[in-house]
Amino acid sequence: MNVATSSLNPGELITLLEQQRDHYRRLRELSDQQRSTIAGDRPERLLQILSERQELVTALARLNDCLAPFRRHWDDVYAALPDERRQQASALLHEINGLLRGILRADQEDGALLAARKQAVAADLAAASGGHRANAAYARQAGAAPGPAAADLTG
């Protein structure tokens, strides 16, 4: 261990990794909620979830800054960890990476789901707009040449 890594506390590393893991777990929960919210067409709840996710991303960025000194000297730090701490750090990193992969995959799928919903809404709006145009055409036609009077029909 060199001078730069001797000031890095292995306990702090584990604490930071646990916090990071906990934030990613919460992000995963929100990701699951996001999916059901998109499918359930609840835009106000979706905005709430996205806001919570942004707060977690901000907290993760702060944790990332705290982890930077450990990453800069990772080989030395990791080698200097006692066996138990090394196994703990390895397990945490493995879990964090798995959570991150799952979150990214779910976000990609949710993006595709949102795009499909957007296209469906656009198609619905276009169909509704077409209906309005047809109604307007009928109204113009009716105004130009009035239809038969009720008396003409009975006649």
C-alpha atoms as a PDB file:
ATOM      1  CA  MET A   1       0.000   0.000   0.000  1.00  0.00           C
ATOM      2  CA  ASN A   2       1.397   3.423  -0.899  1.00  0.00           C
ATOM      3  CA  VAL A   3       0.933   6.807   0.775  1.00  0.00           C
ATOM      4  CA  ALA A   4      -2.051   7.715  -1.429  1.00  0.00           C
ATOM      5  CA  THR A   5      -3.957   4.551  -0.541  1.00  0.00           C
ATOM      6  CA  SER A   6      -2.966   4.366   3.137  1.00  0.00           C
ATOM      7  CA  SER A   7      -5.372   7.197   3.972  1.00  0.00           C
ATOM      8  CA  LEU A   8      -8.302   5.376   2.358  1.00  0.00           C
ATOM      9  CA  ASN A   9     -10.446   3.585   4.918  1.00  0.00           C
ATOM     10  CA  PRO A  10     -11.653   0.117   3.861  1.00  0.00           C
ATOM     11  CA  GLY A  11     -14.689   0.500   6.130  1.00  0.00           C
ATOM     12  CA  GLU A  12     -15.639   3.691   4.316  1.00  0.00           C
ATOM     13  CA  LEU A  13     -15.345   1.908   0.985  1.00  0.00           C
ATOM     14  CA  ILE A  14     -17.760  -0.812   2.111  1.00  0.00           C
ATOM     15  CA  THR A  15     -20.185   1.772   3.533  1.00  0.00           C
ATOM     16  CA  LEU A  16     -20.146   3.729   0.266  1.00  0.00           C
ATOM     17  CA  LEU A  17     -20.688   0.573  -1.781  1.00  0.00           C
ATOM     18  CA  GLU A  18     -23.590  -0.452   0.460  1.00  0.00           C
ATOM     19  CA  GLN A  19     -25.172   2.970   0.013  1.00  0.00           C
ATOM     20  CA  GLN A  20     -24.674   2.716  -3.730  1.00  0.00           C
ATOM     21  CA  ARG A  21     -26.262  -0.744  -3.774  1.00  0.00           C
ATOM     22  CA  ASP A  22     -29.227   0.502  -1.713  1.00  0.00           C
ATOM     23  CA  HIS A  23     -29.791   3.395  -4.130  1.00  0.00           C
ATOM     24  CA  TYR A  24     -29.680   1.021  -7.091  1.00  0.00           C
ATOM     25  CA  ARG A  25     -32.151  -1.297  -5.353  1.00  0.00           C
ATOM     26  CA  ARG A  26     -34.527   1.642  -4.892  1.00  0.00           C
ATOM     27  CA  LEU A  27     -34.008   2.654  -8.532  1.00  0.00           C
ATOM     28  CA  ARG A  28     -34.926  -0.898  -9.549  1.00  0.00           C
ATOM     29  CA  GLU A  29     -38.129  -0.704  -7.471  1.00  0.00           C
ATOM     30  CA  LEU A  30     -39.006   2.606  -9.114  1.00  0.00           C
ATOM     31  CA  SER A  31     -38.234   1.105 -12.504  1.00  0.00           C
ATOM     32  CA  ASP A  32     -40.760  -1.655 -11.829  1.00  0.00           C
ATOM     33  CA  GLN A  33     -43.338   0.918 -10.722  1.00  0.00           C
ATOM     34  CA  GLN A  34     -42.573   2.981 -13.810  1.00  0.00           C
ATOM     35  CA  ARG A  35     -43.415   0.044 -16.068  1.00  0.00           C
ATOM     36  CA  SER A  36     -46.800  -0.571 -14.461  1.00  0.00           C
ATOM     37  CA  THR A  37     -47.522   3.162 -14.464  1.00  0.00           C
ATOM     38  CA  ILE A  38     -46.799   3.442 -18.188  1.00  0.00           C
ATOM     39  CA  ALA A  39     -49.011   0.444 -18.876  1.00  0.00           C
ATOM     40  CA  GLY A  40     -51.730   1.837 -16.611  1.00  0.00           C
ATOM     41  CA  ASP A  41     -51.764   5.273 -18.236  1.00  0.00           C
ATOM     42  CA  ARG A  42     -51.189   7.340 -15.077  1.00  0.00           C
ATOM     43  CA  PRO A  43     -49.036  10.290 -16.200  1.00  0.00           C
ATOM     44  CA  GLU A  44     -49.155  12.108 -12.840  1.00  0.00           C
ATOM     45  CA  ARG A  45     -47.689   9.064 -11.047  1.00  0.00           C
ATOM     46  CA  LEU A  46     -45.100   8.647 -13.808  1.00  0.00           C
ATOM     47  CA  LEU A  47     -43.896  12.211 -13.216  1.00  0.00           C
ATOM     48  CA  GLN A  48     -43.639  11.472  -9.496  1.00  0.00           C
ATOM     49  CA  ILE A  49     -41.584   8.332 -10.156  1.00  0.00           C
ATOM     50  CA  LEU A  50     -39.287  10.190 -12.553  1.00  0.00           C
ATOM     51  CA  SER A  51     -38.735  12.876  -9.922  1.00  0.00           C
ATOM     52  CA  GLU A  52     -37.815  10.259  -7.304  1.00  0.00           C
ATOM     53  CA  ARG A  53     -35.478   8.608  -9.782  1.00  0.00           C
ATOM     54  CA  GLN A  54     -33.769  11.937 -10.476  1.00  0.00           C
ATOM     55  CA  GLU A  55     -33.162  12.404  -6.743  1.00  0.00           C
ATOM     56  CA  LEU A  56     -31.557   8.966  -6.565  1.00  0.00           C
ATOM     57  CA  VAL A  57     -29.400   9.661  -9.614  1.00  0.00           C
ATOM     58  CA  THR A  58     -28.202  12.876  -7.950  1.00  0.00           C
ATOM     59  CA  ALA A  59     -27.376  10.954  -4.765  1.00  0.00           C
ATOM     60  CA  LEU A  60     -25.536   8.339  -6.831  1.00  0.00           C
ATOM     61  CA  ALA A  61     -23.475  11.082  -8.475  1.00  0.00           C
ATOM     62  CA  ARG A  62     -22.443  12.319  -5.012  1.00  0.00           C
ATOM     63  CA  LEU A  63     -21.519   8.770  -3.996  1.00  0.00           C
ATOM     64  CA  ASN A  64     -19.553   8.413  -7.205  1.00  0.00           C
ATOM     65  CA  ASP A  65     -17.521  11.478  -6.209  1.00  0.00           C
ATOM     66  CA  CYS A  66     -16.833   9.918  -2.796  1.00  0.00           C
ATOM     67  CA  LEU A  67     -15.761   6.653  -4.438  1.00  0.00           C
ATOM     68  CA  ALA A  68     -13.409   8.398  -6.895  1.00  0.00           C
ATOM     69  CA  PRO A  69     -10.293   8.199  -4.665  1.00  0.00           C
ATOM     70  CA  PHE A  70     -10.858   4.472  -4.192  1.00  0.00           C
ATOM     71  CA  ARG A  71     -11.290   3.938  -7.947  1.00  0.00           C
ATOM     72  CA  ARG A  72      -8.151   5.918  -8.805  1.00  0.00           C
ATOM     73  CA  HIS A  73      -6.090   3.481  -6.747  1.00  0.00           C
ATOM     74  CA  TRP A  74      -8.367   0.473  -7.052  1.00  0.00           C
ATOM     75  CA  ASP A  75      -5.739  -2.232  -7.532  1.00  0.00           C
ATOM     76  CA  ASP A  76      -3.812  -1.112  -4.431  1.00  0.00           C
ATOM     77  CA  VAL A  77      -6.952  -0.532  -2.357  1.00  0.00           C
ATOM     78  CA  TYR A  78      -8.467  -3.875  -3.305  1.00  0.00           C
ATOM     79  CA  ALA A  79      -5.218  -5.747  -2.656  1.00  0.00           C
ATOM     80  CA  ALA A  80      -4.882  -4.097   0.777  1.00  0.00           C
ATOM     81  CA  LEU A  81      -8.375  -5.124   1.897  1.00  0.00           C
ATOM     82  CA  PRO A  82      -8.605  -7.932   4.421  1.00  0.00           C
ATOM     83  CA  ASP A  83     -10.041 -11.107   2.864  1.00  0.00           C
ATOM     84  CA  GLU A  84     -13.477 -10.620   4.434  1.00  0.00           C
ATOM     85  CA  ARG A  85     -13.705  -7.012   3.215  1.00  0.00           C
ATOM     86  CA  ARG A  86     -12.451  -7.996  -0.236  1.00  0.00           C
ATOM     87  CA  GLN A  87     -15.188 -10.635  -0.526  1.00  0.00           C
ATOM     88  CA  GLN A  88     -17.747  -8.133   0.735  1.00  0.00           C
ATOM     89  CA  ALA A  89     -16.613  -5.480  -1.765  1.00  0.00           C
ATOM     90  CA  SER A  90     -16.646  -8.031  -4.583  1.00  0.00           C
ATOM     91  CA  ALA A  91     -20.181  -9.205  -3.710  1.00  0.00           C
ATOM     92  CA  LEU A  92     -21.419  -5.605  -3.501  1.00  0.00           C
ATOM     93  CA  LEU A  93     -19.870  -4.697  -6.843  1.00  0.00           C
ATOM     94  CA  HIS A  94     -21.369  -7.792  -8.441  1.00  0.00           C
ATOM     95  CA  GLU A  95     -24.834  -6.937  -7.089  1.00  0.00           C
ATOM     96  CA  ILE A  96     -24.517  -3.268  -8.102  1.00  0.00           C
ATOM     97  CA  ASN A  97     -23.530  -4.224 -11.660  1.00  0.00           C
ATOM     98  CA  GLY A  98     -26.449  -6.660 -11.915  1.00  0.00           C
ATOM     99  CA  LEU A  99     -28.900  -4.044 -10.657  1.00  0.00           C
ATOM    100  CA  LEU A 100     -27.541  -1.462 -13.069  1.00  0.00           C
ATOM    101  CA  ARG A 101     -27.841  -3.837 -16.044  1.00  0.00           C
ATOM    102  CA  GLY A 102     -31.440  -4.621 -15.095  1.00  0.00           C
ATOM    103  CA  ILE A 103     -32.338  -0.947 -14.692  1.00  0.00           C
ATOM    104  CA  LEU A 104     -30.806  -0.024 -18.041  1.00  0.00           C
ATOM    105  CA  ARG A 105     -32.582  -2.889 -19.798  1.00  0.00           C
ATOM    106  CA  ALA A 106     -35.937  -1.963 -18.205  1.00  0.00           C
ATOM    107  CA  ASP A 107     -35.455   1.696 -19.134  1.00  0.00           C
ATOM    108  CA  GLN A 108     -34.769   0.738 -22.734  1.00  0.00           C
ATOM    109  CA  GLU A 109     -37.919  -1.401 -22.809  1.00  0.00           C
ATOM    110  CA  ASP A 110     -39.932   1.396 -21.169  1.00  0.00           C
ATOM    111  CA  GLY A 111     -38.671   3.833 -23.782  1.00  0.00           C
ATOM    112  CA  ALA A 112     -39.936   1.511 -26.508  1.00  0.00           C
ATOM    113  CA  LEU A 113     -43.273   1.143 -24.704  1.00  0.00           C
ATOM    114  CA  LEU A 114     -43.626   4.922 -24.406  1.00  0.00           C
ATOM    115  CA  ALA A 115     -42.772   5.352 -28.097  1.00  0.00           C
ATOM    116  CA  ALA A 116     -45.434   2.801 -29.038  1.00  0.00           C
ATOM    117  CA  ARG A 117     -47.995   4.558 -26.835  1.00  0.00           C
ATOM    118  CA  LYS A 118     -47.073   7.885 -28.409  1.00  0.00           C
ATOM    119  CA  GLN A 119     -47.655   6.462 -31.881  1.00  0.00           C
ATOM    120  CA  ALA A 120     -50.991   4.998 -30.799  1.00  0.00           C
ATOM    121  CA  VAL A 121     -52.129   8.328 -29.375  1.00  0.00           C
ATOM    122  CA  ALA A 122     -51.005  10.115 -32.540  1.00  0.00           C
ATOM    123  CA  ALA A 123     -52.989   7.637 -34.631  1.00  0.00           C
ATOM    124  CA  ASP A 124     -56.048   8.119 -32.404  1.00  0.00           C
ATOM    125  CA  LEU A 125     -55.741  11.877 -32.750  1.00  0.00           C
ATOM    126  CA  ALA A 126     -55.385  11.616 -36.508  1.00  0.00           C
ATOM    127  CA  ALA A 127     -58.479   9.401 -36.669  1.00  0.00           C
ATOM    128  CA  ALA A 128     -60.406  11.835 -34.470  1.00  0.00           C
ATOM    129  CA  SER A 129     -59.247  14.711 -36.633  1.00  0.00           C
ATOM    130  CA  GLY A 130     -60.418  12.830 -39.710  1.00  0.00           C
ATOM    131  CA  GLY A 131     -63.805  12.339 -38.059  1.00  0.00           C
ATOM    132  CA  HIS A 132     -64.069  16.040 -37.371  1.00  0.00           C
ATOM    133  CA  ARG A 133     -63.244  16.785 -41.002  1.00  0.00           C
ATOM    134  CA  ALA A 134     -65.943  14.379 -42.153  1.00  0.00           C
ATOM    135  CA  ASN A 135     -68.455  16.018 -39.817  1.00  0.00           C
ATOM    136  CA  ALA A 136     -67.464  19.445 -41.107  1.00  0.00           C
ATOM    137  CA  ALA A 137     -67.872  18.237 -44.703  1.00  0.00           C
ATOM    138  CA  TYR A 138     -71.319  16.888 -43.924  1.00  0.00           C
ATOM    139  CA  ALA A 139     -72.251  20.153 -42.242  1.00  0.00           C
ATOM    140  CA  ARG A 140     -71.045  22.163 -45.272  1.00  0.00           C
ATOM    141  CA  GLN A 141     -72.959  19.917 -47.617  1.00  0.00           C
ATOM    142  CA  ALA A 142     -76.103  20.157 -45.511  1.00  0.00           C
ATOM    143  CA  GLY A 143     -75.821  23.941 -45.461  1.00  0.00           C
ATOM    144  CA  ALA A 144     -75.425  24.154 -49.250  1.00  0.00           C
ATOM    145  CA  ALA A 145     -78.411  22.033 -50.172  1.00  0.00           C
ATOM    146  CA  PRO A 146     -80.944  21.462 -47.414  1.00  0.00           C
ATOM    147  CA  GLY A 147     -82.316  17.966 -47.216  1.00  0.00           C
ATOM    148  CA  PRO A 148     -85.983  17.134 -47.700  1.00  0.00           C
ATOM    149  CA  ALA A 149     -88.480  18.552 -45.232  1.00  0.00           C
ATOM    150  CA  ALA A 150     -90.322  16.230 -42.914  1.00  0.00           C
ATOM    151  CA  ALA A 151     -93.504  16.860 -44.891  1.00  0.00           C
ATOM    152  CA  ASP A 152     -91.752  15.731 -48.084  1.00  0.00           C
ATOM    153  CA  LEU A 153     -90.890  12.404 -46.492  1.00  0.00           C
ATOM    154  CA  THR A 154     -94.466  11.562 -45.502  1.00  0.00           C
ATOM    155  CA  GLY A 155     -95.945  12.444 -48.655  1.00  0.00           C
END
